[in-house]
């Protein structure tokens, strides 16, 4: 193995980027995929609400409004993770926001499915 050239302008750390470094682009891709998940969750939500309305007592469950709020806040969290610049939101905060986006998207249909009757 040869010693690094002292006259070289490229530092050894800059020559080979770390493949395991946190990537903002990857988190933004997952935020975009979260919007597709949200569309599927909303379709499941509509199916659940219509099924509850047409069967049984003719009313949907009591947690339909919180379910809609959950999916709306999921969209807001996704937009924050996707659109804010890298210097406005740290990688850990962006990653947590995407996790929150996914959790809120899943919570919508689950809350809508709760029917106490």
Protein backbone atom coordinates (compact mmCIF):
# COMPACT_ATOMS: atom_id res chain seq x y z
CA UNK A 1 0.00 0.00 0.00
CA UNK A 2 1.36 3.43 -0.92
CA UNK A 3 1.29 6.53 1.20
CA UNK A 4 -1.05 9.36 0.16
CA UNK A 5 0.47 12.01 -2.04
CA UNK A 6 1.03 15.19 0.02
CA UNK A 7 0.66 17.34 -3.12
CA UNK A 8 -2.78 15.94 -3.94
CA UNK A 9 -5.72 18.38 -3.72
CA UNK A 10 -8.28 15.62 -3.05
CA UNK A 11 -8.57 14.56 0.56
CA UNK A 12 -8.99 10.83 1.25
CA UNK A 13 -12.32 11.44 3.03
CA UNK A 14 -13.74 13.38 0.07
CA UNK A 15 -12.59 10.82 -2.47
CA UNK A 16 -14.81 8.04 -1.11
CA UNK A 17 -18.13 9.10 0.39
CA UNK A 18 -19.51 6.93 3.15
CA UNK A 19 -22.20 4.65 1.69
CA UNK A 20 -23.80 4.30 5.12
CA UNK A 21 -24.18 8.03 5.77
CA UNK A 22 -27.73 9.30 6.34
CA UNK A 23 -29.35 10.33 3.09
CA UNK A 24 -31.92 13.12 2.96
CA UNK A 25 -32.90 12.03 -0.54
CA UNK A 26 -33.87 8.55 0.70
CA UNK A 27 -36.04 10.01 3.45
CA UNK A 28 -37.72 12.30 0.93
CA UNK A 29 -38.44 9.29 -1.30
CA UNK A 30 -40.09 7.55 1.65
CA UNK A 31 -42.15 10.70 2.28
CA UNK A 32 -43.32 10.57 -1.34
CA UNK A 33 -44.19 6.90 -0.99
CA UNK A 34 -46.15 7.90 2.11
CA UNK A 35 -48.49 9.91 -0.11
CA UNK A 36 -49.24 6.77 -2.12
CA UNK A 37 -49.87 4.97 1.16
CA UNK A 38 -52.17 7.80 2.19
CA UNK A 39 -54.21 7.41 -1.00
CA UNK A 40 -54.63 3.69 -0.31
CA UNK A 41 -55.49 4.41 3.34
CA UNK A 42 -58.11 6.92 2.25
CA UNK A 43 -59.69 4.37 -0.11
CA UNK A 44 -59.81 1.85 2.74
CA UNK A 45 -61.29 4.56 5.00
CA UNK A 46 -64.07 5.30 2.49
CA UNK A 47 -64.81 1.58 2.13
CA UNK A 48 -65.05 1.13 5.90
CA UNK A 49 -67.26 4.17 6.41
CA UNK A 50 -69.64 3.21 3.59
CA UNK A 51 -69.83 -0.37 4.83
CA UNK A 52 -70.72 0.84 8.33
CA UNK A 53 -73.29 3.28 6.98
CA UNK A 54 -75.11 0.73 4.83
CA UNK A 55 -75.02 -2.15 7.29
CA UNK A 56 -76.14 -2.36 10.87
CA UNK A 57 -77.69 0.76 12.37
CA UNK A 58 -77.11 3.01 9.36
CA UNK A 59 -74.42 5.18 10.96
CA UNK A 60 -70.67 5.06 10.77
CA UNK A 61 -68.49 4.66 13.85
CA UNK A 62 -67.98 7.43 16.39
CA UNK A 63 -64.31 7.99 15.49
CA UNK A 64 -64.75 8.98 11.84
CA UNK A 65 -63.82 12.62 12.48
CA UNK A 66 -60.57 11.80 14.32
CA UNK A 67 -59.76 9.36 11.50
CA UNK A 68 -60.14 12.13 8.93
CA UNK A 69 -57.99 14.46 11.04
CA UNK A 70 -55.37 11.73 11.31
CA UNK A 71 -55.13 11.35 7.55
CA UNK A 72 -55.09 15.11 7.03
CA UNK A 73 -52.25 15.52 9.50
CA UNK A 74 -50.45 12.67 7.74
CA UNK A 75 -50.49 14.73 4.55
CA UNK A 76 -49.15 17.77 6.43
CA UNK A 77 -46.34 15.72 7.99
CA UNK A 78 -45.46 14.32 4.56
CA UNK A 79 -45.30 17.76 3.03
CA UNK A 80 -43.03 18.97 5.82
CA UNK A 81 -40.66 16.04 5.35
CA UNK A 82 -40.71 16.32 1.58
CA UNK A 83 -40.52 20.07 0.99
CA UNK A 84 -38.49 21.65 3.78
CA UNK A 85 -34.86 22.30 2.85
CA UNK A 86 -32.06 20.31 4.44
CA UNK A 87 -30.86 23.17 6.61
CA UNK A 88 -34.35 23.79 8.07
CA UNK A 89 -34.92 20.23 9.29
CA UNK A 90 -32.31 17.83 10.65
CA UNK A 91 -32.06 14.31 9.32
CA UNK A 92 -33.38 12.81 12.56
CA UNK A 93 -36.34 15.19 12.62
CA UNK A 94 -37.13 14.48 8.97
CA UNK A 95 -36.95 10.74 9.63
CA UNK A 96 -39.27 11.13 12.63
CA UNK A 97 -41.70 13.19 10.56
CA UNK A 98 -41.88 10.44 7.94
CA UNK A 99 -42.53 7.88 10.67
CA UNK A 100 -45.30 10.12 11.99
CA UNK A 101 -46.70 10.40 8.47
CA UNK A 102 -46.91 6.62 8.12
CA UNK A 103 -48.38 6.15 11.61
CA UNK A 104 -51.10 8.75 11.02
CA UNK A 105 -51.94 7.25 7.62
CA UNK A 106 -52.38 3.80 9.19
CA UNK A 107 -54.36 5.23 12.12
CA UNK A 108 -57.06 6.68 9.85
CA UNK A 109 -58.65 3.41 8.70
CA UNK A 110 -58.07 1.81 12.11
CA UNK A 111 -59.96 4.61 13.87
CA UNK A 112 -62.74 4.48 11.28
CA UNK A 113 -63.13 0.73 11.79
CA UNK A 114 -63.88 1.14 15.50
CA UNK A 115 -67.63 0.81 15.98
CA UNK A 116 -69.04 0.31 19.46
CA UNK A 117 -72.45 -0.92 18.27
